[in-house]
Amino acid sequence: MKGKLSFAALLVVSGLVCSNSWAQQLTEPSASEEAKSPLIIAHRGASGYAPEHSAVAVALAHAQNADYIEQDVVLTRDHVPVVLHDIVLDFVTNVKEVYPDKHRPNGHYYVVDFTFAELQKLTLTERKNKHGEQRYPQRFSVTSGDFKIMSLAQQIELILGLNQTRNTNTGLYIEFKAARWHKTQNYDVVQATLGVLARYGFSDVVPPAPIYLQSFDPEVLRRLKREFMTQLPLVQLVAENSWNESDIDYNTMLTAAGLETLSSYAGGVGIWLNHIYLGLDENGQPKFSDVIAHAQAAGLKVHVYTLRADDLPEGVTSYQQLKDWLLELGVDGVFTDFPDL
């Protein structure tokens, strides 16, 4: 039974614990984990309630009993892995006010151009669009709060500390952001991230908490196996080709043959919701693609992104309806901005 702790207490708890209760968690999932399917993966923390990747979003997701909390990782100028979704600071900080002249010729403020100490002078905010307007108006006000960008190490310590105080085993779900772009800047986000994970025992035979590693770039996952010989479970994220996440043809990857091929280096696949749910038919019934069935036939775990109660797909009447449909399809996990729903 999961322990209880007040939200105020969650925000001040810190510490580090190494638990031995997680042997072979992901190579051979426990019966209790299988029974809980789908896993609830807090997308950038409880980002429906607090600014994404903030300490509050992480602590709240933990309090809401998420099975995993996601960390997107990029690098600072001094090679510190920090938890941010974008390689630029424009849309989730007040960087333009604090460092008005520290942008590149294209007008963007890149994380890799700032030291970690410089980033601490910024305020982490709710996500804005390219016009500076709050992307989800009903969420935490973009003008409120004093949140700070966190390093990966800080988030690990927060999650492991809460695991200890709440007697839980909440996991990490780490994405290497824009690894090829980092390489063009002479930075290695994969190596730097694995270095932090090793310091906290995630390269041990029994890691201190459950963990998945994910990337849109198959070469990153192959490198993790080939060069770093990681035993941690890997998930191939599948994008739209128009997102330019890599030079891979994701349409081919989504075919039965493509999914069979990626099963040679990954144990799971992260699939965009719109690749699965295709709207309603003429009778008002939901239509689904065959991608989940193909992934299951290839022996892959299927984690779907991203469920948002305040941004439901057309034809979906409720968040619970969407979850029920995905459960009936047999998905193994869902990324969600609302871990408590």
C-alpha atoms as a PDB file:
ATOM      1  CA  MET A   1       0.000   0.000   0.000  1.00  0.00           C
ATOM      2  CA  LYS A   2       1.413   3.380  -0.949  1.00  0.00           C
ATOM      3  CA  GLY A   3       2.195   5.785   1.878  1.00  0.00           C
ATOM      4  CA  LYS A   4       0.641   9.214   2.266  1.00  0.00           C
ATOM      5  CA  LEU A   5       2.364  12.547   2.735  1.00  0.00           C
ATOM      6  CA  SER A   6       1.012  16.091   2.645  1.00  0.00           C
ATOM      7  CA  PHE A   7       1.760  18.080  -0.488  1.00  0.00           C
ATOM      8  CA  ALA A   8       3.573  20.727   1.530  1.00  0.00           C
ATOM      9  CA  ALA A   9       5.842  18.070   2.995  1.00  0.00           C
ATOM     10  CA  LEU A  10       6.512  16.671  -0.462  1.00  0.00           C
ATOM     11  CA  LEU A  11       8.039  19.955  -1.551  1.00  0.00           C
ATOM     12  CA  VAL A  12      10.697  19.940   1.149  1.00  0.00           C
ATOM     13  CA  VAL A  13      11.595  16.273   1.273  1.00  0.00           C
ATOM     14  CA  SER A  14      15.015  15.364  -0.114  1.00  0.00           C
ATOM     15  CA  GLY A  15      17.428  12.454   0.215  1.00  0.00           C
ATOM     16  CA  LEU A  16      18.762   9.408  -1.541  1.00  0.00           C
ATOM     17  CA  VAL A  17      17.854   5.769  -1.084  1.00  0.00           C
ATOM     18  CA  CYS A  18      18.911   2.578  -2.717  1.00  0.00           C
ATOM     19  CA  SER A  19      16.174  -0.037  -2.733  1.00  0.00           C
ATOM     20  CA  ASN A  20      16.779  -3.692  -3.503  1.00  0.00           C
ATOM     21  CA  SER A  21      13.113  -4.444  -4.193  1.00  0.00           C
ATOM     22  CA  TRP A  22      13.315  -3.983  -7.923  1.00  0.00           C
ATOM     23  CA  ALA A  23      15.316  -6.919  -9.256  1.00  0.00           C
ATOM     24  CA  GLN A  24      14.579  -7.638 -12.901  1.00  0.00           C
ATOM     25  CA  GLN A  25      11.739  -5.070 -12.911  1.00  0.00           C
ATOM     26  CA  LEU A  26      11.767  -4.448 -16.618  1.00  0.00           C
ATOM     27  CA  THR A  27      13.208  -7.584 -18.130  1.00  0.00           C
ATOM     28  CA  GLU A  28      10.615  -9.558 -16.196  1.00  0.00           C
ATOM     29  CA  PRO A  29       7.814  -7.237 -14.949  1.00  0.00           C
ATOM     30  CA  SER A  30       6.357  -8.144 -11.602  1.00  0.00           C
ATOM     31  CA  ALA A  31       2.868  -9.572 -11.345  1.00  0.00           C
ATOM     32  CA  SER A  32       1.725  -6.435  -9.524  1.00  0.00           C
ATOM     33  CA  GLU A  33       2.991  -4.219 -12.339  1.00  0.00           C
ATOM     34  CA  GLU A  34       1.298  -6.322 -14.971  1.00  0.00           C
ATOM     35  CA  ALA A  35      -1.951  -6.127 -13.021  1.00  0.00           C
ATOM     36  CA  LYS A  36      -1.738  -2.326 -12.934  1.00  0.00           C
ATOM     37  CA  SER A  37      -1.604  -1.979 -16.702  1.00  0.00           C
ATOM     38  CA  PRO A  38      -1.565   0.529 -18.152  1.00  0.00           C
ATOM     39  CA  LEU A  39       1.328   2.162 -16.349  1.00  0.00           C
ATOM     40  CA  ILE A  40       0.786   5.827 -15.592  1.00  0.00           C
ATOM     41  CA  ILE A  41       3.723   7.884 -16.830  1.00  0.00           C
ATOM     42  CA  ALA A  42       3.637  11.483 -15.631  1.00  0.00           C
ATOM     43  CA  HIS A  43       4.415  13.491 -18.759  1.00  0.00           C
ATOM     44  CA  ARG A  44       7.037  16.047 -17.660  1.00  0.00           C
ATOM     45  CA  GLY A  45       5.655  15.559 -14.159  1.00  0.00           C
ATOM     46  CA  ALA A  46       2.072  16.470 -13.321  1.00  0.00           C
ATOM     47  CA  SER A  47       2.270  19.101 -16.042  1.00  0.00           C
ATOM     48  CA  GLY A  48      -1.470  19.606 -16.182  1.00  0.00           C
ATOM     49  CA  TYR A  49      -1.285  21.185 -12.724  1.00  0.00           C
ATOM     50  CA  ALA A  50       2.127  22.883 -12.478  1.00  0.00           C
ATOM     51  CA  PRO A  51       4.797  24.054 -14.955  1.00  0.00           C
ATOM     52  CA  GLU A  52       6.359  21.087 -16.743  1.00  0.00           C
ATOM     53  CA  HIS A  53       9.512  19.568 -15.224  1.00  0.00           C
ATOM     54  CA  SER A  54       9.344  21.842 -12.171  1.00  0.00           C
ATOM     55  CA  ALA A  55       9.979  20.453  -8.691  1.00  0.00           C
ATOM     56  CA  VAL A  56       6.311  21.001  -7.881  1.00  0.00           C
ATOM     57  CA  ALA A  57       5.197  19.052 -10.976  1.00  0.00           C
ATOM     58  CA  VAL A  58       7.523  16.189  -9.998  1.00  0.00           C
ATOM     59  CA  ALA A  59       6.423  16.123  -6.353  1.00  0.00           C
ATOM     60  CA  LEU A  60       2.760  16.345  -7.289  1.00  0.00           C
ATOM     61  CA  ALA A  61       3.075  13.487  -9.782  1.00  0.00           C
ATOM     62  CA  HIS A  62       4.704  11.434  -7.040  1.00  0.00           C
ATOM     63  CA  ALA A  63       1.885  12.294  -4.624  1.00  0.00           C
ATOM     64  CA  GLN A  64      -0.626  11.281  -7.288  1.00  0.00           C
ATOM     65  CA  ASN A  65       1.038   7.860  -7.411  1.00  0.00           C
ATOM     66  CA  ALA A  66       2.353   7.958 -10.964  1.00  0.00           C
ATOM     67  CA  ASP A  67       4.274   4.793 -11.799  1.00  0.00           C
ATOM     68  CA  TYR A  68       6.945   6.762 -13.681  1.00  0.00           C
ATOM     69  CA  ILE A  69       7.890  10.426 -13.980  1.00  0.00           C
ATOM     70  CA  GLU A  70       9.374  11.596 -17.274  1.00  0.00           C
ATOM     71  CA  GLN A  71      12.604  13.600 -17.622  1.00  0.00           C
ATOM     72  CA  ASP A  72      13.561  15.211 -20.940  1.00  0.00           C
ATOM     73  CA  VAL A  73      17.303  15.909 -20.850  1.00  0.00           C
ATOM     74  CA  VAL A  74      19.370  18.586 -22.582  1.00  0.00           C
ATOM     75  CA  LEU A  75      22.834  19.983 -21.781  1.00  0.00           C
ATOM     76  CA  THR A  76      24.065  23.325 -20.497  1.00  0.00           C
ATOM     77  CA  ARG A  77      27.234  25.093 -21.662  1.00  0.00           C
ATOM     78  CA  ASP A  78      29.111  23.491 -18.755  1.00  0.00           C
ATOM     79  CA  HIS A  79      27.835  20.001 -19.675  1.00  0.00           C
ATOM     80  CA  VAL A  80      25.245  19.726 -16.890  1.00  0.00           C
ATOM     81  CA  PRO A  81      22.240  17.554 -17.874  1.00  0.00           C
ATOM     82  CA  VAL A  82      19.114  19.582 -17.103  1.00  0.00           C
ATOM     83  CA  VAL A  83      15.478  18.588 -17.366  1.00  0.00           C
ATOM     84  CA  LEU A  84      13.818  20.580 -20.140  1.00  0.00           C
ATOM     85  CA  HIS A  85      11.788  19.473 -23.132  1.00  0.00           C
ATOM     86  CA  ASP A  86      13.256  21.981 -25.597  1.00  0.00           C
ATOM     87  CA  ILE A  87      16.795  22.775 -26.675  1.00  0.00           C
ATOM     88  CA  VAL A  88      15.726  26.430 -26.493  1.00  0.00           C
ATOM     89  CA  LEU A  89      14.512  28.401 -23.478  1.00  0.00           C
ATOM     90  CA  ASP A  90      12.060  30.649 -25.298  1.00  0.00           C
ATOM     91  CA  PHE A  91       8.783  28.909 -24.484  1.00  0.00           C
ATOM     92  CA  VAL A  92       9.118  27.893 -20.813  1.00  0.00           C
ATOM     93  CA  THR A  93      11.214  30.640 -19.177  1.00  0.00           C
ATOM     94  CA  ASN A  94      11.567  34.415 -18.891  1.00  0.00           C
ATOM     95  CA  VAL A  95      14.945  34.311 -20.665  1.00  0.00           C
ATOM     96  CA  LYS A  96      14.128  37.273 -22.921  1.00  0.00           C
ATOM     97  CA  GLU A  97      13.731  39.528 -19.887  1.00  0.00           C
ATOM     98  CA  VAL A  98      16.792  38.267 -17.983  1.00  0.00           C
ATOM     99  CA  TYR A  99      19.233  37.830 -20.889  1.00  0.00           C
ATOM    100  CA  PRO A 100      17.778  39.938 -23.738  1.00  0.00           C
ATOM    101  CA  ASP A 101      20.945  39.854 -25.843  1.00  0.00           C
ATOM    102  CA  LYS A 102      22.018  36.234 -25.309  1.00  0.00           C
ATOM    103  CA  HIS A 103      20.183  34.821 -28.312  1.00  0.00           C
ATOM    104  CA  ARG A 104      21.604  33.400 -31.516  1.00  0.00           C
ATOM    105  CA  PRO A 105      21.162  35.106 -34.906  1.00  0.00           C
ATOM    106  CA  ASN A 106      17.899  33.216 -35.411  1.00  0.00           C
ATOM    107  CA  GLY A 107      16.478  34.889 -32.292  1.00  0.00           C
ATOM    108  CA  HIS A 108      16.348  31.743 -30.139  1.00  0.00           C
ATOM    109  CA  TYR A 109      17.953  31.259 -26.733  1.00  0.00           C
ATOM    110  CA  TYR A 110      19.652  27.855 -26.640  1.00  0.00           C
ATOM    111  CA  VAL A 111      20.143  25.973 -23.373  1.00  0.00           C
ATOM    112  CA  VAL A 112      23.649  24.965 -24.445  1.00  0.00           C
ATOM    113  CA  ASP A 113      24.690  28.639 -24.506  1.00  0.00           C
ATOM    114  CA  PHE A 114      24.042  29.057 -20.763  1.00  0.00           C
ATOM    115  CA  THR A 115      25.815  27.652 -17.726  1.00  0.00           C
ATOM    116  CA  PHE A 116      23.753  25.935 -15.072  1.00  0.00           C
ATOM    117  CA  ALA A 117      24.382  28.888 -12.740  1.00  0.00           C
ATOM    118  CA  GLU A 118      23.035  31.269 -15.389  1.00  0.00           C
ATOM    119  CA  LEU A 119      19.937  29.122 -15.830  1.00  0.00           C
ATOM    120  CA  GLN A 120      19.205  29.406 -12.113  1.00  0.00           C
ATOM    121  CA  LYS A 121      18.535  33.112 -12.595  1.00  0.00           C
ATOM    122  CA  LEU A 122      15.589  32.270 -14.836  1.00  0.00           C
ATOM    123  CA  THR A 123      12.008  31.549 -13.835  1.00  0.00           C
ATOM    124  CA  LEU A 124      10.521  28.348 -15.225  1.00  0.00           C
ATOM    125  CA  THR A 125       7.005  29.055 -16.467  1.00  0.00           C
ATOM    126  CA  GLU A 126       3.961  27.395 -17.937  1.00  0.00           C
ATOM    127  CA  ARG A 127       4.487  26.707 -21.647  1.00  0.00           C
ATOM    128  CA  LYS A 128       3.859  29.550 -24.099  1.00  0.00           C
ATOM    129  CA  ASN A 129       3.289  29.467 -27.841  1.00  0.00           C
ATOM    130  CA  LYS A 130       5.375  31.351 -30.414  1.00  0.00           C
ATOM    131  CA  HIS A 131       3.284  34.471 -29.772  1.00  0.00           C
ATOM    132  CA  GLY A 132       4.081  34.433 -26.048  1.00  0.00           C
ATOM    133  CA  GLU A 133       0.554  33.359 -25.091  1.00  0.00           C
ATOM    134  CA  GLN A 134      -0.078  30.577 -22.598  1.00  0.00           C
ATOM    135  CA  ARG A 135      -0.592  27.346 -24.546  1.00  0.00           C
ATOM    136  CA  TYR A 136      -3.171  25.909 -22.127  1.00  0.00           C
ATOM    137  CA  PRO A 137      -4.982  28.945 -20.658  1.00  0.00           C
ATOM    138  CA  GLN A 138      -6.740  27.034 -17.876  1.00  0.00           C
ATOM    139  CA  ARG A 139      -3.492  25.723 -16.402  1.00  0.00           C
ATOM    140  CA  PHE A 140      -1.124  27.349 -13.901  1.00  0.00           C
ATOM    141  CA  SER A 141      -0.758  31.023 -14.758  1.00  0.00           C
ATOM    142  CA  VAL A 142       2.282  31.833 -16.879  1.00  0.00           C
ATOM    143  CA  THR A 143       2.805  34.983 -14.778  1.00  0.00           C
ATOM    144  CA  SER A 144       2.762  33.232 -11.384  1.00  0.00           C
ATOM    145  CA  GLY A 145       5.246  31.258  -9.335  1.00  0.00           C
ATOM    146  CA  ASP A 146       8.994  31.182  -8.858  1.00  0.00           C
ATOM    147  CA  PHE A 147      10.042  27.828 -10.310  1.00  0.00           C
ATOM    148  CA  LYS A 148      13.607  26.946 -11.263  1.00  0.00           C
ATOM    149  CA  ILE A 149      15.131  24.722 -13.924  1.00  0.00           C
ATOM    150  CA  MET A 150      16.271  21.485 -12.338  1.00  0.00           C
ATOM    151  CA  SER A 151      19.307  19.391 -13.122  1.00  0.00           C
ATOM    152  CA  LEU A 152      18.777  15.696 -13.782  1.00  0.00           C
ATOM    153  CA  ALA A 153      20.647  14.979 -10.535  1.00  0.00           C
ATOM    154  CA  GLN A 154      18.210  17.154  -8.573  1.00  0.00           C
ATOM    155  CA  GLN A 155      15.210  15.358 -10.025  1.00  0.00           C
ATOM    156  CA  ILE A 156      16.728  11.956  -9.297  1.00  0.00           C
ATOM    157  CA  GLU A 157      17.365  12.938  -5.685  1.00  0.00           C
ATOM    158  CA  LEU A 158      13.834  14.294  -5.324  1.00  0.00           C
ATOM    159  CA  ILE A 159      12.221  11.136  -6.705  1.00  0.00           C
ATOM    160  CA  LEU A 160      14.430   8.740  -4.756  1.00  0.00           C
ATOM    161  CA  GLY A 161      13.939  10.780  -1.608  1.00  0.00           C
ATOM    162  CA  LEU A 162      10.160  10.672  -2.015  1.00  0.00           C
ATOM    163  CA  ASN A 163      10.353   6.952  -2.710  1.00  0.00           C
ATOM    164  CA  GLN A 164      11.976   6.578   0.688  1.00  0.00           C
ATOM    165  CA  THR A 165       9.642   8.829   2.665  1.00  0.00           C
ATOM    166  CA  ARG A 166       6.480   7.533   0.981  1.00  0.00           C
ATOM    167  CA  ASN A 167       7.612   3.896   0.801  1.00  0.00           C
ATOM    168  CA  THR A 168       7.050   3.749  -2.952  1.00  0.00           C
ATOM    169  CA  ASN A 169       9.033   2.725  -6.022  1.00  0.00           C
ATOM    170  CA  THR A 170       8.219   5.431  -8.539  1.00  0.00           C
ATOM    171  CA  GLY A 171      10.440   5.195 -11.605  1.00  0.00           C
ATOM    172  CA  LEU A 172      12.264   7.508 -13.987  1.00  0.00           C
ATOM    173  CA  TYR A 173      11.506   7.712 -17.704  1.00  0.00           C
ATOM    174  CA  ILE A 174      14.354   9.573 -19.407  1.00  0.00           C
ATOM    175  CA  GLU A 175      14.434  10.950 -22.938  1.00  0.00           C
ATOM    176  CA  PHE A 176      17.660  12.056 -24.627  1.00  0.00           C
ATOM    177  CA  LYS A 177      16.659  15.216 -26.465  1.00  0.00           C
ATOM    178  CA  ALA A 178      18.150  16.104 -29.845  1.00  0.00           C
ATOM    179  CA  ALA A 179      21.270  13.954 -29.490  1.00  0.00           C
ATOM    180  CA  ARG A 180      22.396  14.590 -33.065  1.00  0.00           C
ATOM    181  CA  TRP A 181      21.959  18.345 -32.692  1.00  0.00           C
ATOM    182  CA  HIS A 182      24.006  18.264 -29.479  1.00  0.00           C
ATOM    183  CA  LYS A 183      26.741  16.469 -31.399  1.00  0.00           C
ATOM    184  CA  THR A 184      26.870  19.324 -33.926  1.00  0.00           C
ATOM    185  CA  GLN A 185      27.562  21.634 -30.974  1.00  0.00           C
ATOM    186  CA  ASN A 186      30.315  19.273 -29.721  1.00  0.00           C
ATOM    187  CA  TYR A 187      28.213  18.033 -26.804  1.00  0.00           C
ATOM    188  CA  ASP A 188      27.259  14.442 -25.966  1.00  0.00           C
ATOM    189  CA  VAL A 189      23.913  14.371 -24.180  1.00  0.00           C
ATOM    190  CA  VAL A 190      23.908  10.555 -24.064  1.00  0.00           C
ATOM    191  CA  GLN A 191      27.270  10.184 -22.333  1.00  0.00           C
ATOM    192  CA  ALA A 192      26.612  13.049 -19.923  1.00  0.00           C
ATOM    193  CA  THR A 193      23.222  11.646 -18.933  1.00  0.00           C
ATOM    194  CA  LEU A 194      24.553   8.136 -18.397  1.00  0.00           C
ATOM    195  CA  GLY A 195      27.295   9.616 -16.217  1.00  0.00           C
ATOM    196  CA  VAL A 196      24.699  11.108 -13.880  1.00  0.00           C
ATOM    197  CA  LEU A 197      22.703   7.878 -13.835  1.00  0.00           C
ATOM    198  CA  ALA A 198      25.825   5.906 -12.945  1.00  0.00           C
ATOM    199  CA  ARG A 199      26.535   8.209  -9.987  1.00  0.00           C
ATOM    200  CA  TYR A 200      23.140   7.330  -8.577  1.00  0.00           C
ATOM    201  CA  GLY A 201      23.483   3.596  -9.091  1.00  0.00           C
ATOM    202  CA  PHE A 202      21.472   3.123 -12.271  1.00  0.00           C
ATOM    203  CA  SER A 203      24.280   1.155 -13.884  1.00  0.00           C
ATOM    204  CA  ASP A 204      24.210  -1.362 -11.018  1.00  0.00           C
ATOM    205  CA  VAL A 205      22.726  -4.820 -11.488  1.00  0.00           C
ATOM    206  CA  VAL A 206      19.776  -3.688  -9.368  1.00  0.00           C
ATOM    207  CA  PRO A 207      19.060   0.016  -9.972  1.00  0.00           C
ATOM    208  CA  PRO A 208      17.662   2.133  -7.109  1.00  0.00           C
ATOM    209  CA  ALA A 209      14.345   2.604  -8.935  1.00  0.00           C
ATOM    210  CA  PRO A 210      12.600   1.456 -12.125  1.00  0.00           C
ATOM    211  CA  ILE A 211      13.781   3.247 -15.242  1.00  0.00           C
ATOM    212  CA  TYR A 212      13.204   3.443 -18.967  1.00  0.00           C
ATOM    213  CA  LEU A 213      15.417   5.205 -21.512  1.00  0.00           C
ATOM    214  CA  GLN A 214      13.742   6.607 -24.624  1.00  0.00           C
ATOM    215  CA  SER A 215      14.653   8.416 -27.820  1.00  0.00           C
ATOM    216  CA  PHE A 216      13.159   9.335 -31.183  1.00  0.00           C
ATOM    217  CA  ASP A 217      16.523   8.498 -32.741  1.00  0.00           C
ATOM    218  CA  PRO A 218      17.146   4.763 -33.210  1.00  0.00           C
ATOM    219  CA  GLU A 219      20.886   5.370 -33.450  1.00  0.00           C
ATOM    220  CA  VAL A 220      20.844   6.652 -29.857  1.00  0.00           C
ATOM    221  CA  LEU A 221      19.273   3.414 -28.664  1.00  0.00           C
ATOM    222  CA  ARG A 222      21.647   1.280 -30.728  1.00  0.00           C
ATOM    223  CA  ARG A 223      24.554   3.243 -29.304  1.00  0.00           C
ATOM    224  CA  LEU A 224      23.303   2.623 -25.759  1.00  0.00           C
ATOM    225  CA  LYS A 225      23.503  -1.101 -26.429  1.00  0.00           C
ATOM    226  CA  ARG A 226      26.602  -1.170 -28.622  1.00  0.00           C
ATOM    227  CA  GLU A 227      28.884   1.392 -26.984  1.00  0.00           C
ATOM    228  CA  PHE A 228      27.590   1.634 -23.420  1.00  0.00           C
ATOM    229  CA  MET A 229      26.271  -1.936 -23.215  1.00  0.00           C
ATOM    230  CA  THR A 230      23.395  -0.804 -21.068  1.00  0.00           C
ATOM    231  CA  GLN A 231      21.033  -3.367 -19.626  1.00  0.00           C
ATOM    232  CA  LEU A 232      18.374  -0.738 -18.972  1.00  0.00           C
ATOM    233  CA  PRO A 233      15.139  -1.104 -20.967  1.00  0.00           C
ATOM    234  CA  LEU A 234      14.942   1.006 -24.115  1.00  0.00           C
ATOM    235  CA  VAL A 235      11.918   2.546 -25.822  1.00  0.00           C
ATOM    236  CA  GLN A 236      11.830   3.756 -29.405  1.00  0.00           C
ATOM    237  CA  LEU A 237       9.668   6.858 -29.744  1.00  0.00           C
ATOM    238  CA  VAL A 238       7.804   7.218 -33.021  1.00  0.00           C
ATOM    239  CA  ALA A 239       7.151  10.697 -34.395  1.00  0.00           C
ATOM    240  CA  GLU A 240       5.594  12.277 -37.437  1.00  0.00           C
ATOM    241  CA  ASN A 241       8.145  12.760 -40.194  1.00  0.00           C
ATOM    242  CA  SER A 242       7.264  16.474 -40.288  1.00  0.00           C
ATOM    243  CA  TRP A 243       8.597  16.935 -36.730  1.00  0.00           C
ATOM    244  CA  ASN A 244      12.162  16.348 -37.985  1.00  0.00           C
ATOM    245  CA  GLU A 245      13.160  14.375 -34.896  1.00  0.00           C
ATOM    246  CA  SER A 246      15.579  12.311 -36.998  1.00  0.00           C
ATOM    247  CA  ASP A 247      16.179  11.298 -40.614  1.00  0.00           C
ATOM    248  CA  ILE A 248      14.248   8.054 -40.094  1.00  0.00           C
ATOM    249  CA  ASP A 249      11.038   7.365 -42.014  1.00  0.00           C
ATOM    250  CA  TYR A 250       8.617   6.893 -39.131  1.00  0.00           C
ATOM    251  CA  ASN A 251       5.817   5.780 -41.457  1.00  0.00           C
ATOM    252  CA  THR A 252       7.912   2.742 -42.311  1.00  0.00           C
ATOM    253  CA  MET A 253       8.750   2.227 -38.644  1.00  0.00           C
ATOM    254  CA  LEU A 254       5.030   1.973 -37.843  1.00  0.00           C
ATOM    255  CA  THR A 255       4.487  -0.947 -40.226  1.00  0.00           C
ATOM    256  CA  ALA A 256       4.505  -4.537 -39.015  1.00  0.00           C
ATOM    257  CA  ALA A 257       7.925  -5.057 -40.601  1.00  0.00           C
ATOM    258  CA  GLY A 258       9.265  -1.817 -39.171  1.00  0.00           C
ATOM    259  CA  LEU A 259       8.149  -2.669 -35.648  1.00  0.00           C
ATOM    260  CA  GLU A 260       9.635  -6.137 -35.984  1.00  0.00           C
ATOM    261  CA  THR A 261      12.950  -4.548 -36.971  1.00  0.00           C
ATOM    262  CA  LEU A 262      13.064  -2.117 -34.049  1.00  0.00           C
ATOM    263  CA  SER A 263      12.390  -4.972 -31.629  1.00  0.00           C
ATOM    264  CA  SER A 264      15.994  -6.019 -32.286  1.00  0.00           C
ATOM    265  CA  TYR A 265      17.289  -3.093 -30.223  1.00  0.00           C
ATOM    266  CA  ALA A 266      14.337  -1.853 -28.131  1.00  0.00           C
ATOM    267  CA  GLY A 267      11.913  -3.564 -25.792  1.00  0.00           C
ATOM    268  CA  GLY A 268       9.160  -1.003 -26.167  1.00  0.00           C
ATOM    269  CA  VAL A 269       7.724   1.608 -28.480  1.00  0.00           C
ATOM    270  CA  GLY A 270       6.278   5.023 -27.652  1.00  0.00           C
ATOM    271  CA  ILE A 271       3.466   5.774 -30.081  1.00  0.00           C
ATOM    272  CA  TRP A 272       1.700   9.085 -30.640  1.00  0.00           C
ATOM    273  CA  LEU A 273      -2.003   8.923 -29.801  1.00  0.00           C
ATOM    274  CA  ASN A 274      -2.939  10.144 -33.284  1.00  0.00           C
ATOM    275  CA  HIS A 275      -1.162   7.146 -34.782  1.00  0.00           C
ATOM    276  CA  ILE A 276      -3.636   4.921 -32.925  1.00  0.00           C
ATOM    277  CA  TYR A 277      -6.950   6.751 -32.618  1.00  0.00           C
ATOM    278  CA  LEU A 278      -8.273   7.690 -36.068  1.00  0.00           C
ATOM    279  CA  GLY A 279     -11.513   9.418 -35.082  1.00  0.00           C
ATOM    280  CA  LEU A 280     -15.104   8.195 -35.349  1.00  0.00           C
ATOM    281  CA  ASP A 281     -16.684   6.235 -38.170  1.00  0.00           C
ATOM    282  CA  GLU A 282     -20.045   7.057 -39.795  1.00  0.00           C
ATOM    283  CA  ASN A 283     -21.813   5.278 -36.927  1.00  0.00           C
ATOM    284  CA  GLY A 284     -20.033   7.297 -34.272  1.00  0.00           C
ATOM    285  CA  GLN A 285     -17.789   4.424 -33.242  1.00  0.00           C
ATOM    286  CA  PRO A 286     -14.050   4.894 -32.649  1.00  0.00           C
ATOM    287  CA  LYS A 287     -11.615   3.824 -35.364  1.00  0.00           C
ATOM    288  CA  PHE A 288      -8.170   2.518 -34.512  1.00  0.00           C
ATOM    289  CA  SER A 289      -5.106   1.631 -36.551  1.00  0.00           C
ATOM    290  CA  ASP A 290      -3.411  -1.755 -36.430  1.00  0.00           C
ATOM    291  CA  VAL A 291      -0.182  -0.374 -34.987  1.00  0.00           C
ATOM    292  CA  ILE A 292      -0.762  -1.679 -31.450  1.00  0.00           C
ATOM    293  CA  ALA A 293      -1.505  -5.168 -32.722  1.00  0.00           C
ATOM    294  CA  HIS A 294       1.627  -5.081 -34.888  1.00  0.00           C
ATOM    295  CA  ALA A 295       3.761  -3.899 -31.948  1.00  0.00           C
ATOM    296  CA  GLN A 296       2.366  -6.611 -29.708  1.00  0.00           C
ATOM    297  CA  ALA A 297       3.060  -9.211 -32.387  1.00  0.00           C
ATOM    298  CA  ALA A 298       6.674  -8.005 -32.399  1.00  0.00           C
ATOM    299  CA  GLY A 299       6.878  -8.518 -28.643  1.00  0.00           C
ATOM    300  CA  LEU A 300       7.070  -4.807 -27.858  1.00  0.00           C
ATOM    301  CA  LYS A 301       5.610  -2.968 -24.899  1.00  0.00           C
ATOM    302  CA  VAL A 302       3.388  -0.121 -26.088  1.00  0.00           C
ATOM    303  CA  HIS A 303       3.393   3.236 -24.309  1.00  0.00           C
ATOM    304  CA  VAL A 304       1.092   5.906 -25.777  1.00  0.00           C
ATOM    305  CA  TYR A 305       1.680   9.666 -25.652  1.00  0.00           C
ATOM    306  CA  THR A 306       0.157  12.104 -24.643  1.00  0.00           C
ATOM    307  CA  LEU A 307      -3.193  12.115 -22.826  1.00  0.00           C
ATOM    308  CA  ARG A 308      -4.523  15.548 -21.778  1.00  0.00           C
ATOM    309  CA  ALA A 309      -7.854  16.018 -20.044  1.00  0.00           C
ATOM    310  CA  ASP A 310      -8.010  19.605 -21.301  1.00  0.00           C
ATOM    311  CA  ASP A 311      -7.146  18.737 -24.908  1.00  0.00           C
ATOM    312  CA  LEU A 312      -9.114  15.670 -25.932  1.00  0.00           C
ATOM    313  CA  PRO A 313      -9.039  14.397 -29.530  1.00  0.00           C
ATOM    314  CA  GLU A 314     -12.056  15.110 -31.699  1.00  0.00           C
ATOM    315  CA  GLY A 315     -14.872  12.657 -31.017  1.00  0.00           C
ATOM    316  CA  VAL A 316     -13.716  11.776 -27.493  1.00  0.00           C
ATOM    317  CA  THR A 317     -16.275  12.775 -24.886  1.00  0.00           C
ATOM    318  CA  SER A 318     -14.184  12.249 -21.755  1.00  0.00           C
ATOM    319  CA  TYR A 319     -10.679  11.521 -20.546  1.00  0.00           C
ATOM    320  CA  GLN A 320     -11.872   8.269 -18.960  1.00  0.00           C
ATOM    321  CA  GLN A 321     -13.412   7.161 -22.245  1.00  0.00           C
ATOM    322  CA  LEU A 322     -10.076   7.609 -23.984  1.00  0.00           C
ATOM    323  CA  LYS A 323      -8.242   5.673 -21.262  1.00  0.00           C
ATOM    324  CA  ASP A 324     -10.809   2.877 -21.451  1.00  0.00           C
ATOM    325  CA  TRP A 325     -10.381   2.567 -25.218  1.00  0.00           C
ATOM    326  CA  LEU A 326      -6.614   2.332 -24.884  1.00  0.00           C
ATOM    327  CA  LEU A 327      -6.920  -0.222 -22.099  1.00  0.00           C
ATOM    328  CA  GLU A 328      -9.183  -2.346 -24.289  1.00  0.00           C
ATOM    329  CA  LEU A 329      -6.556  -2.191 -27.029  1.00  0.00           C
ATOM    330  CA  GLY A 330      -4.019  -3.596 -24.573  1.00  0.00           C
ATOM    331  CA  VAL A 331      -1.562  -0.717 -24.233  1.00  0.00           C
ATOM    332  CA  ASP A 332       1.047  -1.158 -21.510  1.00  0.00           C
ATOM    333  CA  GLY A 333       1.369   2.463 -20.457  1.00  0.00           C
ATOM    334  CA  VAL A 334       0.185   6.014 -21.121  1.00  0.00           C
ATOM    335  CA  PHE A 335       1.974   9.324 -20.869  1.00  0.00           C
ATOM    336  CA  THR A 336      -0.363  11.818 -19.263  1.00  0.00           C
ATOM    337  CA  ASP A 337      -0.340  15.424 -18.056  1.00  0.00           C
ATOM    338  CA  PHE A 338      -2.881  14.357 -15.401  1.00  0.00           C
ATOM    339  CA  PRO A 339      -1.522  11.353 -13.450  1.00  0.00           C
ATOM    340  CA  ASP A 340      -4.432  11.371 -10.984  1.00  0.00           C
ATOM    341  CA  LEU A 341      -7.179  10.884 -13.567  1.00  0.00           C
END
